[in-house]
């Protein structure tokens, strides 16, 4: 198993590529847990360009629009592009941490709580 956490700067720096490079063995699937959605993630064009380069995507392919109609980063599409570069599709689960997920969101609500990730493999 590998678990990767990154913000937009990590995506721009190629953290997904680094995870694939460090992983031993074939990658069969990937899951993106709850994350900020484009609906709540206003984002500037210059930073969008940086993320696009880091995930091997065209900026338009990872751009979104917030609920207020402003330009946004679509994290799920960005992670999907980065994984797709390695031939792996992602499954996004959990919804937007800003408006639909019943968890914490420092970005949208200033909350100080944290999320936890648990991974396991069932016996065959």
PDB file of N, CA and C in Angstrom:
ATOM      1  N   UNK A   1       0.833  -1.183   0.000  1.00  0.00           N
ATOM      2  CA  UNK A   1       0.000   0.000   0.000  1.00  0.00           C
ATOM      3  C   UNK A   1       0.872   1.238   0.000  1.00  0.00           C
ATOM      4  N   UNK A   2       0.339   2.273  -0.551  1.00  0.00           N
ATOM      5  CA  UNK A   2       0.966   3.583  -0.446  1.00  0.00           C
ATOM      6  C   UNK A   2      -0.139   4.586  -0.172  1.00  0.00           C
ATOM      7  N   UNK A   3       0.135   5.533   0.677  1.00  0.00           N
ATOM      8  CA  UNK A   3      -0.805   6.606   0.957  1.00  0.00           C
ATOM      9  C   UNK A   3      -0.066   7.901   0.722  1.00  0.00           C
ATOM     10  N   UNK A   4      -0.663   8.769  -0.058  1.00  0.00           N
ATOM     11  CA  UNK A   4      -0.023  10.031  -0.420  1.00  0.00           C
ATOM     12  C   UNK A   4      -0.956  11.171  -0.042  1.00  0.00           C
ATOM     13  N   UNK A   5      -0.418  12.172   0.585  1.00  0.00           N
ATOM     14  CA  UNK A   5      -1.190  13.371   0.900  1.00  0.00           C
ATOM     15  C   UNK A   5      -0.447  14.563   0.335  1.00  0.00           C
ATOM     16  N   UNK A   6      -1.165  15.423  -0.346  1.00  0.00           N
ATOM     17  CA  UNK A   6      -0.528  16.617  -0.897  1.00  0.00           C
ATOM     18  C   UNK A   6      -1.552  17.719  -1.087  1.00  0.00           C
ATOM     19  N   UNK A   7      -1.095  18.910  -0.920  1.00  0.00           N
ATOM     20  CA  UNK A   7      -1.884  20.071  -1.303  1.00  0.00           C
ATOM     21  C   UNK A   7      -1.546  20.431  -2.748  1.00  0.00           C
ATOM     22  N   UNK A   8      -1.973  21.608  -3.160  1.00  0.00           N
ATOM     23  CA  UNK A   8      -1.730  21.984  -4.560  1.00  0.00           C
ATOM     24  C   UNK A   8      -0.243  22.116  -4.851  1.00  0.00           C
ATOM     25  N   UNK A   9       0.534  22.574  -3.875  1.00  0.00           N
ATOM     26  CA  UNK A   9       1.977  22.709  -4.115  1.00  0.00           C
ATOM     27  C   UNK A   9       2.637  21.344  -4.314  1.00  0.00           C
ATOM     28  N   UNK A  10       2.183  20.352  -3.570  1.00  0.00           N
ATOM     29  CA  UNK A  10       2.699  18.999  -3.745  1.00  0.00           C
ATOM     30  C   UNK A  10       2.332  18.433  -5.108  1.00  0.00           C
ATOM     31  N   UNK A  11       1.096  18.676  -5.537  1.00  0.00           N
ATOM     32  CA  UNK A  11       0.699  18.245  -6.885  1.00  0.00           C
ATOM     33  C   UNK A  11       1.577  18.916  -7.934  1.00  0.00           C
ATOM     34  N   UNK A  12       1.810  20.209  -7.757  1.00  0.00           N
ATOM     35  CA  UNK A  12       2.644  20.952  -8.705  1.00  0.00           C
ATOM     36  C   UNK A  12       4.078  20.433  -8.709  1.00  0.00           C
ATOM     37  N   UNK A  13       4.547  19.957  -7.562  1.00  0.00           N
ATOM     38  CA  UNK A  13       5.920  19.462  -7.450  1.00  0.00           C
ATOM     39  C   UNK A  13       6.072  18.019  -7.929  1.00  0.00           C
ATOM     40  N   UNK A  14       4.975  17.378  -8.304  1.00  0.00           N
ATOM     41  CA  UNK A  14       5.058  16.021  -8.833  1.00  0.00           C
ATOM     42  C   UNK A  14       5.007  14.925  -7.792  1.00  0.00           C
ATOM     43  N   UNK A  15       4.291  15.145  -6.689  1.00  0.00           N
ATOM     44  CA  UNK A  15       4.240  14.142  -5.626  1.00  0.00           C
ATOM     45  C   UNK A  15       3.635  12.823  -6.108  1.00  0.00           C
ATOM     46  N   UNK A  16       2.694  12.873  -7.032  1.00  0.00           N
ATOM     47  CA  UNK A  16       2.104  11.625  -7.527  1.00  0.00           C
ATOM     48  C   UNK A  16       3.154  10.838  -8.313  1.00  0.00           C
ATOM     49  N   UNK A  17       3.936  11.523  -9.151  1.00  0.00           N
ATOM     50  CA  UNK A  17       5.025  10.847  -9.872  1.00  0.00           C
ATOM     51  C   UNK A  17       6.011  10.226  -8.892  1.00  0.00           C
ATOM     52  N   UNK A  18       6.344  10.951  -7.831  1.00  0.00           N
ATOM     53  CA  UNK A  18       7.296  10.442  -6.834  1.00  0.00           C
ATOM     54  C   UNK A  18       6.739   9.198  -6.144  1.00  0.00           C
ATOM     55  N   UNK A  19       5.439   9.197  -5.875  1.00  0.00           N
ATOM     56  CA  UNK A  19       4.826   8.032  -5.235  1.00  0.00           C
ATOM     57  C   UNK A  19       4.877   6.820  -6.156  1.00  0.00           C
ATOM     58  N   UNK A  20       4.575   7.014  -7.427  1.00  0.00           N
ATOM     59  CA  UNK A  20       4.656   5.906  -8.371  1.00  0.00           C
ATOM     60  C   UNK A  20       6.092   5.398  -8.487  1.00  0.00           C
ATOM     61  N   UNK A  21       7.051   6.311  -8.484  1.00  0.00           N
ATOM     62  CA  UNK A  21       8.460   5.917  -8.600  1.00  0.00           C
ATOM     63  C   UNK A  21       8.914   5.119  -7.378  1.00  0.00           C
ATOM     64  N   UNK A  22       8.389   5.442  -6.204  1.00  0.00           N
ATOM     65  CA  UNK A  22       8.808   4.778  -4.975  1.00  0.00           C
ATOM     66  C   UNK A  22       8.076   3.463  -4.725  1.00  0.00           C
ATOM     67  N   UNK A  23       6.923   3.301  -5.359  1.00  0.00           N
ATOM     68  CA  UNK A  23       6.118   2.108  -5.113  1.00  0.00           C
ATOM     69  C   UNK A  23       6.760   0.890  -5.758  1.00  0.00           C
ATOM     70  N   UNK A  24       6.827  -0.185  -5.024  1.00  0.00           N
ATOM     71  CA  UNK A  24       7.412  -1.413  -5.556  1.00  0.00           C
ATOM     72  C   UNK A  24       6.288  -2.332  -6.016  1.00  0.00           C
ATOM     73  N   UNK A  25       6.316  -2.697  -7.266  1.00  0.00           N
ATOM     74  CA  UNK A  25       5.283  -3.564  -7.823  1.00  0.00           C
ATOM     75  C   UNK A  25       4.290  -2.775  -8.645  1.00  0.00           C
ATOM     76  N   UNK A  26       3.429  -3.492  -9.342  1.00  0.00           N
ATOM     77  CA  UNK A  26       2.448  -2.818 -10.204  1.00  0.00           C
ATOM     78  C   UNK A  26       1.376  -2.110  -9.376  1.00  0.00           C
ATOM     79  N   UNK A  27       0.897  -1.012  -9.893  1.00  0.00           N
ATOM     80  CA  UNK A  27      -0.193  -0.282  -9.254  1.00  0.00           C
ATOM     81  C   UNK A  27      -1.468  -0.682  -9.978  1.00  0.00           C
ATOM     82  N   UNK A  28      -2.384  -1.304  -9.250  1.00  0.00           N
ATOM     83  CA  UNK A  28      -3.599  -1.816  -9.858  1.00  0.00           C
ATOM     84  C   UNK A  28      -4.756  -0.831  -9.786  1.00  0.00           C
ATOM     85  N   UNK A  29      -4.812  -0.037  -8.735  1.00  0.00           N
ATOM     86  CA  UNK A  29      -5.904   0.907  -8.595  1.00  0.00           C
ATOM     87  C   UNK A  29      -5.511   2.017  -7.638  1.00  0.00           C
ATOM     88  N   UNK A  30      -6.253   3.100  -7.694  1.00  0.00           N
ATOM     89  CA  UNK A  30      -6.005   4.238  -6.811  1.00  0.00           C
ATOM     90  C   UNK A  30      -7.340   4.830  -6.383  1.00  0.00           C
ATOM     91  N   UNK A  31      -7.374   5.320  -5.175  1.00  0.00           N
ATOM     92  CA  UNK A  31      -8.578   5.931  -4.630  1.00  0.00           C
ATOM     93  C   UNK A  31      -8.218   7.323  -4.130  1.00  0.00           C
ATOM     94  N   UNK A  32      -9.034   8.293  -4.476  1.00  0.00           N
ATOM     95  CA  UNK A  32      -8.899   9.648  -3.942  1.00  0.00           C
ATOM     96  C   UNK A  32      -9.984   9.819  -2.901  1.00  0.00           C
ATOM     97  N   UNK A  33      -9.575  10.017  -1.671  1.00  0.00           N
ATOM     98  CA  UNK A  33     -10.534  10.207  -0.586  1.00  0.00           C
ATOM     99  C   UNK A  33     -11.114  11.600  -0.593  1.00  0.00           C
ATOM    100  N   UNK A  34     -11.835  11.944   0.453  1.00  0.00           N
ATOM    101  CA  UNK A  34     -12.436  13.266   0.534  1.00  0.00           C
ATOM    102  C   UNK A  34     -11.390  14.355   0.319  1.00  0.00           C
ATOM    103  N   UNK A  35     -11.729  15.311  -0.507  1.00  0.00           N
ATOM    104  CA  UNK A  35     -10.825  16.429  -0.791  1.00  0.00           C
ATOM    105  C   UNK A  35     -11.657  17.640  -1.150  1.00  0.00           C
ATOM    106  N   UNK A  36     -11.028  18.776  -1.148  1.00  0.00           N
ATOM    107  CA  UNK A  36     -11.737  20.002  -1.512  1.00  0.00           C
ATOM    108  C   UNK A  36     -12.187  19.887  -2.966  1.00  0.00           C
ATOM    109  N   UNK A  37     -13.418  20.228  -3.235  1.00  0.00           N
ATOM    110  CA  UNK A  37     -13.954  20.165  -4.591  1.00  0.00           C
ATOM    111  C   UNK A  37     -13.775  21.489  -5.315  1.00  0.00           C
ATOM    112  N   UNK A  38     -13.882  21.431  -6.617  1.00  0.00           N
ATOM    113  CA  UNK A  38     -13.795  22.666  -7.405  1.00  0.00           C
ATOM    114  C   UNK A  38     -14.857  23.670  -6.952  1.00  0.00           C
ATOM    115  N   UNK A  39     -15.983  23.172  -6.475  1.00  0.00           N
ATOM    116  CA  UNK A  39     -17.067  24.042  -6.017  1.00  0.00           C
ATOM    117  C   UNK A  39     -16.624  24.993  -4.909  1.00  0.00           C
ATOM    118  N   UNK A  40     -15.582  24.602  -4.163  1.00  0.00           N
ATOM    119  CA  UNK A  40     -15.125  25.379  -3.001  1.00  0.00           C
ATOM    120  C   UNK A  40     -13.661  25.805  -3.087  1.00  0.00           C
ATOM    121  N   UNK A  41     -13.014  25.608  -4.239  1.00  0.00           N
ATOM    122  CA  UNK A  41     -11.562  25.806  -4.309  1.00  0.00           C
ATOM    123  C   UNK A  41     -11.193  26.848  -5.360  1.00  0.00           C
ATOM    124  N   UNK A  42     -11.434  28.110  -5.046  1.00  0.00           N
ATOM    125  CA  UNK A  42     -11.053  29.199  -5.951  1.00  0.00           C
ATOM    126  C   UNK A  42      -9.550  29.144  -6.175  1.00  0.00           C
ATOM    127  N   UNK A  43      -9.139  29.354  -7.436  1.00  0.00           N
ATOM    128  CA  UNK A  43      -7.744  29.128  -7.782  1.00  0.00           C
ATOM    129  C   UNK A  43      -7.324  30.053  -8.909  1.00  0.00           C
ATOM    130  N   UNK A  44      -6.128  30.609  -8.805  1.00  0.00           N
ATOM    131  CA  UNK A  44      -5.617  31.526  -9.814  1.00  0.00           C
ATOM    132  C   UNK A  44      -5.006  30.813 -11.012  1.00  0.00           C
ATOM    133  N   UNK A  45      -4.986  31.481 -12.138  1.00  0.00           N
ATOM    134  CA  UNK A  45      -4.493  30.904 -13.392  1.00  0.00           C
ATOM    135  C   UNK A  45      -3.011  30.544 -13.325  1.00  0.00           C
ATOM    136  N   UNK A  46      -2.197  31.385 -12.701  1.00  0.00           N
ATOM    137  CA  UNK A  46      -0.753  31.106 -12.636  1.00  0.00           C
ATOM    138  C   UNK A  46      -0.475  29.832 -11.846  1.00  0.00           C
ATOM    139  N   UNK A  47      -1.166  29.658 -10.714  1.00  0.00           N
ATOM    140  CA  UNK A  47      -0.967  28.458  -9.912  1.00  0.00           C
ATOM    141  C   UNK A  47      -1.563  27.234 -10.608  1.00  0.00           C
ATOM    142  N   UNK A  48      -2.627  27.423 -11.354  1.00  0.00           N
ATOM    143  CA  UNK A  48      -3.221  26.327 -12.120  1.00  0.00           C
ATOM    144  C   UNK A  48      -2.223  25.798 -13.150  1.00  0.00           C
ATOM    145  N   UNK A  49      -1.480  26.691 -13.755  1.00  0.00           N
ATOM    146  CA  UNK A  49      -0.432  26.289 -14.715  1.00  0.00           C
ATOM    147  C   UNK A  49       0.618  25.417 -14.033  1.00  0.00           C
ATOM    148  N   UNK A  50       1.010  25.787 -12.821  1.00  0.00           N
ATOM    149  CA  UNK A  50       2.011  25.019 -12.078  1.00  0.00           C
ATOM    150  C   UNK A  50       1.499  23.617 -11.764  1.00  0.00           C
ATOM    151  N   UNK A  51       0.263  23.536 -11.309  1.00  0.00           N
ATOM    152  CA  UNK A  51      -0.313  22.229 -10.996  1.00  0.00           C
ATOM    153  C   UNK A  51      -0.426  21.398 -12.263  1.00  0.00           C
ATOM    154  N   UNK A  52      -0.871  22.006 -13.345  1.00  0.00           N
ATOM    155  CA  UNK A  52      -1.023  21.275 -14.610  1.00  0.00           C
ATOM    156  C   UNK A  52       0.291  20.632 -15.043  1.00  0.00           C
ATOM    157  N   UNK A  53       1.372  21.378 -14.917  1.00  0.00           N
ATOM    158  CA  UNK A  53       2.684  20.810 -15.276  1.00  0.00           C
ATOM    159  C   UNK A  53       3.033  19.630 -14.365  1.00  0.00           C
ATOM    160  N   UNK A  54       2.732  19.757 -13.090  1.00  0.00           N
ATOM    161  CA  UNK A  54       3.068  18.714 -12.128  1.00  0.00           C
ATOM    162  C   UNK A  54       2.247  17.444 -12.263  1.00  0.00           C
ATOM    163  N   UNK A  55       1.091  17.540 -12.940  1.00  0.00           N
ATOM    164  CA  UNK A  55       0.228  16.359 -13.091  1.00  0.00           C
ATOM    165  C   UNK A  55       0.086  15.932 -14.550  1.00  0.00           C
ATOM    166  N   UNK A  56       0.915  16.521 -15.429  1.00  0.00           N
ATOM    167  CA  UNK A  56       0.926  16.155 -16.855  1.00  0.00           C
ATOM    168  C   UNK A  56      -0.421  16.423 -17.523  1.00  0.00           C
ATOM    169  N   UNK A  57      -0.974  17.601 -17.281  1.00  0.00           N
ATOM    170  CA  UNK A  57      -2.291  17.924 -17.820  1.00  0.00           C
ATOM    171  C   UNK A  57      -2.286  19.289 -18.475  1.00  0.00           C
ATOM    172  N   UNK A  58      -3.246  19.499 -19.325  1.00  0.00           N
ATOM    173  CA  UNK A  58      -3.524  20.829 -19.848  1.00  0.00           C
ATOM    174  C   UNK A  58      -4.267  21.583 -18.747  1.00  0.00           C
ATOM    175  N   UNK A  59      -3.955  22.854 -18.512  1.00  0.00           N
ATOM    176  CA  UNK A  59      -4.654  23.586 -17.450  1.00  0.00           C
ATOM    177  C   UNK A  59      -6.179  23.530 -17.579  1.00  0.00           C
ATOM    178  N   UNK A  60      -6.680  23.563 -18.803  1.00  0.00           N
ATOM    179  CA  UNK A  60      -8.132  23.514 -18.993  1.00  0.00           C
ATOM    180  C   UNK A  60      -8.705  22.178 -18.520  1.00  0.00           C
ATOM    181  N   UNK A  61      -7.897  21.140 -18.545  1.00  0.00           N
ATOM    182  CA  UNK A  61      -8.358  19.821 -18.134  1.00  0.00           C
ATOM    183  C   UNK A  61      -8.498  19.640 -16.639  1.00  0.00           C
ATOM    184  N   UNK A  62      -7.899  20.532 -15.862  1.00  0.00           N
ATOM    185  CA  UNK A  62      -7.990  20.427 -14.406  1.00  0.00           C
ATOM    186  C   UNK A  62      -8.661  21.652 -13.795  1.00  0.00           C
ATOM    187  N   UNK A  63      -9.138  22.532 -14.661  1.00  0.00           N
ATOM    188  CA  UNK A  63      -9.819  23.736 -14.196  1.00  0.00           C
ATOM    189  C   UNK A  63     -11.272  23.413 -13.868  1.00  0.00           C
ATOM    190  N   UNK A  64     -11.802  24.167 -12.963  1.00  0.00           N
ATOM    191  CA  UNK A  64     -13.208  24.040 -12.601  1.00  0.00           C
ATOM    192  C   UNK A  64     -13.783  25.413 -12.341  1.00  0.00           C
ATOM    193  N   UNK A  65     -14.963  25.422 -11.796  1.00  0.00           N
ATOM    194  CA  UNK A  65     -15.646  26.666 -11.455  1.00  0.00           C
ATOM    195  C   UNK A  65     -16.238  26.492 -10.058  1.00  0.00           C
ATOM    196  N   UNK A  66     -16.049  27.490  -9.212  1.00  0.00           N
ATOM    197  CA  UNK A  66     -16.607  27.421  -7.859  1.00  0.00           C
ATOM    198  C   UNK A  66     -18.119  27.608  -7.906  1.00  0.00           C
ATOM    199  N   UNK A  67     -18.749  27.373  -6.784  1.00  0.00           N
ATOM    200  CA  UNK A  67     -20.193  27.594  -6.668  1.00  0.00           C
ATOM    201  C   UNK A  67     -20.544  29.062  -6.902  1.00  0.00           C
ATOM    202  N   UNK A  68     -19.567  29.944  -6.725  1.00  0.00           N
ATOM    203  CA  UNK A  68     -19.797  31.374  -6.956  1.00  0.00           C
ATOM    204  C   UNK A  68     -19.454  31.794  -8.382  1.00  0.00           C
ATOM    205  N   UNK A  69     -18.999  30.833  -9.204  1.00  0.00           N
ATOM    206  CA  UNK A  69     -18.694  31.131 -10.601  1.00  0.00           C
ATOM    207  C   UNK A  69     -17.283  31.614 -10.862  1.00  0.00           C
ATOM    208  N   UNK A  70     -16.393  31.493  -9.884  1.00  0.00           N
ATOM    209  CA  UNK A  70     -15.006  31.930 -10.067  1.00  0.00           C
ATOM    210  C   UNK A  70     -14.135  30.747 -10.498  1.00  0.00           C
ATOM    211  N   UNK A  71     -12.975  31.012 -11.115  1.00  0.00           N
ATOM    212  CA  UNK A  71     -12.087  29.926 -11.545  1.00  0.00           C
ATOM    213  C   UNK A  71     -11.633  29.076 -10.360  1.00  0.00           C
ATOM    214  N   UNK A  72     -11.487  27.780 -10.603  1.00  0.00           N
ATOM    215  CA  UNK A  72     -11.165  26.847  -9.528  1.00  0.00           C
ATOM    216  C   UNK A  72     -10.217  25.772 -10.014  1.00  0.00           C
ATOM    217  N   UNK A  73      -9.608  25.079  -9.067  1.00  0.00           N
ATOM    218  CA  UNK A  73      -8.832  23.866  -9.333  1.00  0.00           C
ATOM    219  C   UNK A  73      -9.734  22.674  -9.027  1.00  0.00           C
ATOM    220  N   UNK A  74      -9.804  21.738  -9.951  1.00  0.00           N
ATOM    221  CA  UNK A  74     -10.527  20.493  -9.732  1.00  0.00           C
ATOM    222  C   UNK A  74      -9.498  19.444  -9.315  1.00  0.00           C
ATOM    223  N   UNK A  75      -9.354  19.248  -8.016  1.00  0.00           N
ATOM    224  CA  UNK A  75      -8.338  18.350  -7.472  1.00  0.00           C
ATOM    225  C   UNK A  75      -8.530  16.925  -7.986  1.00  0.00           C
ATOM    226  N   UNK A  76      -9.757  16.458  -8.054  1.00  0.00           N
ATOM    227  CA  UNK A  76     -10.002  15.087  -8.513  1.00  0.00           C
ATOM    228  C   UNK A  76      -9.517  14.902  -9.947  1.00  0.00           C
ATOM    229  N   UNK A  77      -9.769  15.870 -10.796  1.00  0.00           N
ATOM    230  CA  UNK A  77      -9.292  15.762 -12.172  1.00  0.00           C
ATOM    231  C   UNK A  77      -7.774  15.882 -12.235  1.00  0.00           C
ATOM    232  N   UNK A  78      -7.179  16.695 -11.369  1.00  0.00           N
ATOM    233  CA  UNK A  78      -5.718  16.824 -11.346  1.00  0.00           C
ATOM    234  C   UNK A  78      -5.071  15.514 -10.909  1.00  0.00           C
ATOM    235  N   UNK A  79      -5.567  14.920  -9.840  1.00  0.00           N
ATOM    236  CA  UNK A  79      -5.019  13.643  -9.373  1.00  0.00           C
ATOM    237  C   UNK A  79      -5.290  12.562 -10.420  1.00  0.00           C
ATOM    238  N   UNK A  80      -6.460  12.613 -11.020  1.00  0.00           N
ATOM    239  CA  UNK A  80      -6.780  11.658 -12.075  1.00  0.00           C
ATOM    240  C   UNK A  80      -5.823  11.763 -13.251  1.00  0.00           C
ATOM    241  N   UNK A  81      -5.456  12.987 -13.619  1.00  0.00           N
ATOM    242  CA  UNK A  81      -4.499  13.180 -14.718  1.00  0.00           C
ATOM    243  C   UNK A  81      -3.135  12.626 -14.348  1.00  0.00           C
ATOM    244  N   UNK A  82      -2.701  12.879 -13.118  1.00  0.00           N
ATOM    245  CA  UNK A  82      -1.392  12.394 -12.677  1.00  0.00           C
ATOM    246  C   UNK A  82      -1.360  10.872 -12.654  1.00  0.00           C
ATOM    247  N   UNK A  83      -2.400  10.248 -12.139  1.00  0.00           N
ATOM    248  CA  UNK A  83      -2.461   8.781 -12.114  1.00  0.00           C
ATOM    249  C   UNK A  83      -2.613   8.230 -13.527  1.00  0.00           C
ATOM    250  N   UNK A  84      -3.418   8.893 -14.336  1.00  0.00           N
ATOM    251  CA  UNK A  84      -3.605   8.464 -15.717  1.00  0.00           C
ATOM    252  C   UNK A  84      -2.310   8.470 -16.502  1.00  0.00           C
ATOM    253  N   UNK A  85      -1.415   9.387 -16.180  1.00  0.00           N
ATOM    254  CA  UNK A  85      -0.096   9.438 -16.811  1.00  0.00           C
ATOM    255  C   UNK A  85       0.659   8.123 -16.586  1.00  0.00           C
ATOM    256  N   UNK A  86       0.322   7.446 -15.511  1.00  0.00           N
ATOM    257  CA  UNK A  86       0.964   6.171 -15.172  1.00  0.00           C
ATOM    258  C   UNK A  86       0.064   4.980 -15.518  1.00  0.00           C
ATOM    259  N   UNK A  87      -1.003   5.244 -16.252  1.00  0.00           N
ATOM    260  CA  UNK A  87      -1.889   4.179 -16.690  1.00  0.00           C
ATOM    261  C   UNK A  87      -2.848   3.666 -15.639  1.00  0.00           C
ATOM    262  N   UNK A  88      -3.084   4.461 -14.603  1.00  0.00           N
ATOM    263  CA  UNK A  88      -3.957   4.038 -13.506  1.00  0.00           C
ATOM    264  C   UNK A  88      -5.122   5.018 -13.388  1.00  0.00           C
ATOM    265  N   UNK A  89      -6.334   4.477 -13.359  1.00  0.00           N
ATOM    266  CA  UNK A  89      -7.514   5.303 -13.135  1.00  0.00           C
ATOM    267  C   UNK A  89      -7.762   5.421 -11.637  1.00  0.00           C
ATOM    268  N   UNK A  90      -8.404   6.529 -11.248  1.00  0.00           N
ATOM    269  CA  UNK A  90      -8.728   6.699  -9.832  1.00  0.00           C
ATOM    270  C   UNK A  90     -10.227   6.578  -9.628  1.00  0.00           C
ATOM    271  N   UNK A  91     -10.575   6.225  -8.409  1.00  0.00           N
ATOM    272  CA  UNK A  91     -11.954   6.273  -7.961  1.00  0.00           C
ATOM    273  C   UNK A  91     -12.004   7.346  -6.877  1.00  0.00           C
ATOM    274  N   UNK A  92     -12.838   8.354  -7.064  1.00  0.00           N
ATOM    275  CA  UNK A  92     -12.972   9.419  -6.075  1.00  0.00           C
ATOM    276  C   UNK A  92     -14.131   9.073  -5.142  1.00  0.00           C
ATOM    277  N   UNK A  93     -13.869   9.104  -3.846  1.00  0.00           N
ATOM    278  CA  UNK A  93     -14.897   8.788  -2.846  1.00  0.00           C
ATOM    279  C   UNK A  93     -14.908   9.867  -1.769  1.00  0.00           C
ATOM    280  N   UNK A  94     -16.032  10.081  -1.159  1.00  0.00           N
ATOM    281  CA  UNK A  94     -16.080  10.933   0.015  1.00  0.00           C
ATOM    282  C   UNK A  94     -16.601  12.334  -0.175  1.00  0.00           C
ATOM    283  N   UNK A  95     -16.579  12.866  -1.362  1.00  0.00           N
ATOM    284  CA  UNK A  95     -17.135  14.196  -1.582  1.00  0.00           C
ATOM    285  C   UNK A  95     -16.211  15.345  -1.215  1.00  0.00           C
ATOM    286  N   UNK A  96     -16.747  16.533  -1.340  1.00  0.00           N
ATOM    287  CA  UNK A  96     -16.005  17.779  -1.091  1.00  0.00           C
ATOM    288  C   UNK A  96     -15.915  18.058   0.399  1.00  0.00           C
ATOM    289  N   UNK A  97     -14.695  18.240   0.888  1.00  0.00           N
ATOM    290  CA  UNK A  97     -14.508  18.544   2.308  1.00  0.00           C
ATOM    291  C   UNK A  97     -15.023  19.936   2.658  1.00  0.00           C
ATOM    292  N   UNK A  98     -15.238  20.772   1.656  1.00  0.00           N
ATOM    293  CA  UNK A  98     -15.729  22.119   1.914  1.00  0.00           C
ATOM    294  C   UNK A  98     -17.222  22.205   2.120  1.00  0.00           C
ATOM    295  N   UNK A  99     -17.995  21.366   1.388  1.00  0.00           N
ATOM    296  CA  UNK A  99     -19.441  21.559   1.462  1.00  0.00           C
ATOM    297  C   UNK A  99     -20.280  20.291   1.560  1.00  0.00           C
ATOM    298  N   UNK A 100     -19.737  19.116   1.243  1.00  0.00           N
ATOM    299  CA  UNK A 100     -20.598  17.935   1.264  1.00  0.00           C
ATOM    300  C   UNK A 100     -20.113  16.821   2.179  1.00  0.00           C
ATOM    301  N   UNK A 101     -18.853  16.819   2.532  1.00  0.00           N
ATOM    302  CA  UNK A 101     -18.297  15.758   3.372  1.00  0.00           C
ATOM    303  C   UNK A 101     -18.494  16.135   4.829  1.00  0.00           C
ATOM    304  N   UNK A 102     -18.911  15.177   5.638  1.00  0.00           N
ATOM    305  CA  UNK A 102     -19.124  15.431   7.063  1.00  0.00           C
ATOM    306  C   UNK A 102     -17.804  15.273   7.814  1.00  0.00           C
ATOM    307  N   UNK A 103     -16.908  16.196   7.580  1.00  0.00           N
ATOM    308  CA  UNK A 103     -15.587  16.165   8.197  1.00  0.00           C
ATOM    309  C   UNK A 103     -15.095  17.585   8.395  1.00  0.00           C
ATOM    310  N   UNK A 104     -13.791  17.725   8.494  1.00  0.00           N
ATOM    311  CA  UNK A 104     -13.199  19.026   8.760  1.00  0.00           C
ATOM    312  C   UNK A 104     -12.782  19.727   7.474  1.00  0.00           C
ATOM    313  N   UNK A 105     -12.832  21.049   7.494  1.00  0.00           N
ATOM    314  CA  UNK A 105     -12.304  21.835   6.386  1.00  0.00           C
ATOM    315  C   UNK A 105     -11.725  23.131   6.930  1.00  0.00           C
ATOM    316  N   UNK A 106     -10.419  23.166   7.033  1.00  0.00           N
ATOM    317  CA  UNK A 106      -9.783  24.411   7.463  1.00  0.00           C
ATOM    318  C   UNK A 106      -9.970  25.489   6.401  1.00  0.00           C
ATOM    319  N   UNK A 107      -9.890  25.106   5.131  1.00  0.00           N
ATOM    320  CA  UNK A 107      -9.986  26.057   4.040  1.00  0.00           C
ATOM    321  C   UNK A 107     -11.324  26.797   4.039  1.00  0.00           C
ATOM    322  N   UNK A 108     -12.421  26.079   4.211  1.00  0.00           N
ATOM    323  CA  UNK A 108     -13.725  26.736   4.088  1.00  0.00           C
ATOM    324  C   UNK A 108     -14.339  27.164   5.410  1.00  0.00           C
ATOM    325  N   UNK A 109     -13.988  26.477   6.510  1.00  0.00           N
ATOM    326  CA  UNK A 109     -14.616  26.801   7.785  1.00  0.00           C
ATOM    327  C   UNK A 109     -13.624  27.125   8.900  1.00  0.00           C
ATOM    328  N   UNK A 110     -12.333  27.094   8.599  1.00  0.00           N
ATOM    329  CA  UNK A 110     -11.326  27.414   9.605  1.00  0.00           C
ATOM    330  C   UNK A 110     -11.219  26.396  10.724  1.00  0.00           C
ATOM    331  N   UNK A 111     -11.725  25.175  10.507  1.00  0.00           N
ATOM    332  CA  UNK A 111     -11.701  24.151  11.543  1.00  0.00           C
ATOM    333  C   UNK A 111     -10.293  23.598  11.729  1.00  0.00           C
ATOM    334  N   UNK A 112      -9.988  23.190  12.940  1.00  0.00           N
ATOM    335  CA  UNK A 112      -8.648  22.710  13.263  1.00  0.00           C
ATOM    336  C   UNK A 112      -8.558  21.192  13.312  1.00  0.00           C
ATOM    337  N   UNK A 113      -9.654  20.483  13.112  1.00  0.00           N
ATOM    338  CA  UNK A 113      -9.636  19.026  13.142  1.00  0.00           C
ATOM    339  C   UNK A 113      -8.844  18.452  11.982  1.00  0.00           C
ATOM    340  N   UNK A 114      -8.586  17.183  12.035  1.00  0.00           N
ATOM    341  CA  UNK A 114      -7.820  16.512  10.987  1.00  0.00           C
ATOM    342  C   UNK A 114      -8.526  15.230  10.584  1.00  0.00           C
ATOM    343  N   UNK A 115      -8.202  14.754   9.400  1.00  0.00           N
ATOM    344  CA  UNK A 115      -8.717  13.492   8.895  1.00  0.00           C
ATOM    345  C   UNK A 115      -7.688  12.402   9.160  1.00  0.00           C
ATOM    346  N   UNK A 116      -8.138  11.182   9.154  1.00  0.00           N
ATOM    347  CA  UNK A 116      -7.238  10.051   9.312  1.00  0.00           C
ATOM    348  C   UNK A 116      -7.488   9.101   8.140  1.00  0.00           C
ATOM    349  N   UNK A 117      -6.458   8.436   7.697  1.00  0.00           N
ATOM    350  CA  UNK A 117      -6.567   7.455   6.628  1.00  0.00           C
ATOM    351  C   UNK A 117      -6.244   6.090   7.209  1.00  0.00           C
ATOM    352  N   UNK A 118      -7.069   5.125   6.904  1.00  0.00           N
ATOM    353  CA  UNK A 118      -6.844   3.748   7.330  1.00  0.00           C
ATOM    354  C   UNK A 118      -6.908   2.887   6.069  1.00  0.00           C
ATOM    355  N   UNK A 119      -5.919   2.048   5.870  1.00  0.00           N
ATOM    356  CA  UNK A 119      -5.915   1.141   4.725  1.00  0.00           C
ATOM    357  C   UNK A 119      -5.625  -0.260   5.211  1.00  0.00           C
ATOM    358  N   UNK A 120      -6.270  -1.230   4.620  1.00  0.00           N
ATOM    359  CA  UNK A 120      -6.016  -2.619   4.957  1.00  0.00           C
ATOM    360  C   UNK A 120      -6.259  -3.497   3.749  1.00  0.00           C
ATOM    361  N   UNK A 121      -5.744  -4.676   3.833  1.00  0.00           N
ATOM    362  CA  UNK A 121      -5.951  -5.647   2.764  1.00  0.00           C
ATOM    363  C   UNK A 121      -6.639  -6.861   3.375  1.00  0.00           C
ATOM    364  N   UNK A 122      -7.769  -7.220   2.823  1.00  0.00           N
ATOM    365  CA  UNK A 122      -8.510  -8.368   3.318  1.00  0.00           C
ATOM    366  C   UNK A 122      -7.776  -9.649   2.943  1.00  0.00           C
ATOM    367  N   UNK A 123      -7.837 -10.633   3.797  1.00  0.00           N
ATOM    368  CA  UNK A 123      -7.200 -11.922   3.512  1.00  0.00           C
ATOM    369  C   UNK A 123      -7.866 -12.553   2.290  1.00  0.00           C
ATOM    370  N   UNK A 124      -7.063 -13.133   1.446  1.00  0.00           N
ATOM    371  CA  UNK A 124      -7.602 -13.737   0.207  1.00  0.00           C
ATOM    372  C   UNK A 124      -8.212 -15.087   0.477  1.00  0.00           C
TER     373      UNK A 124
END
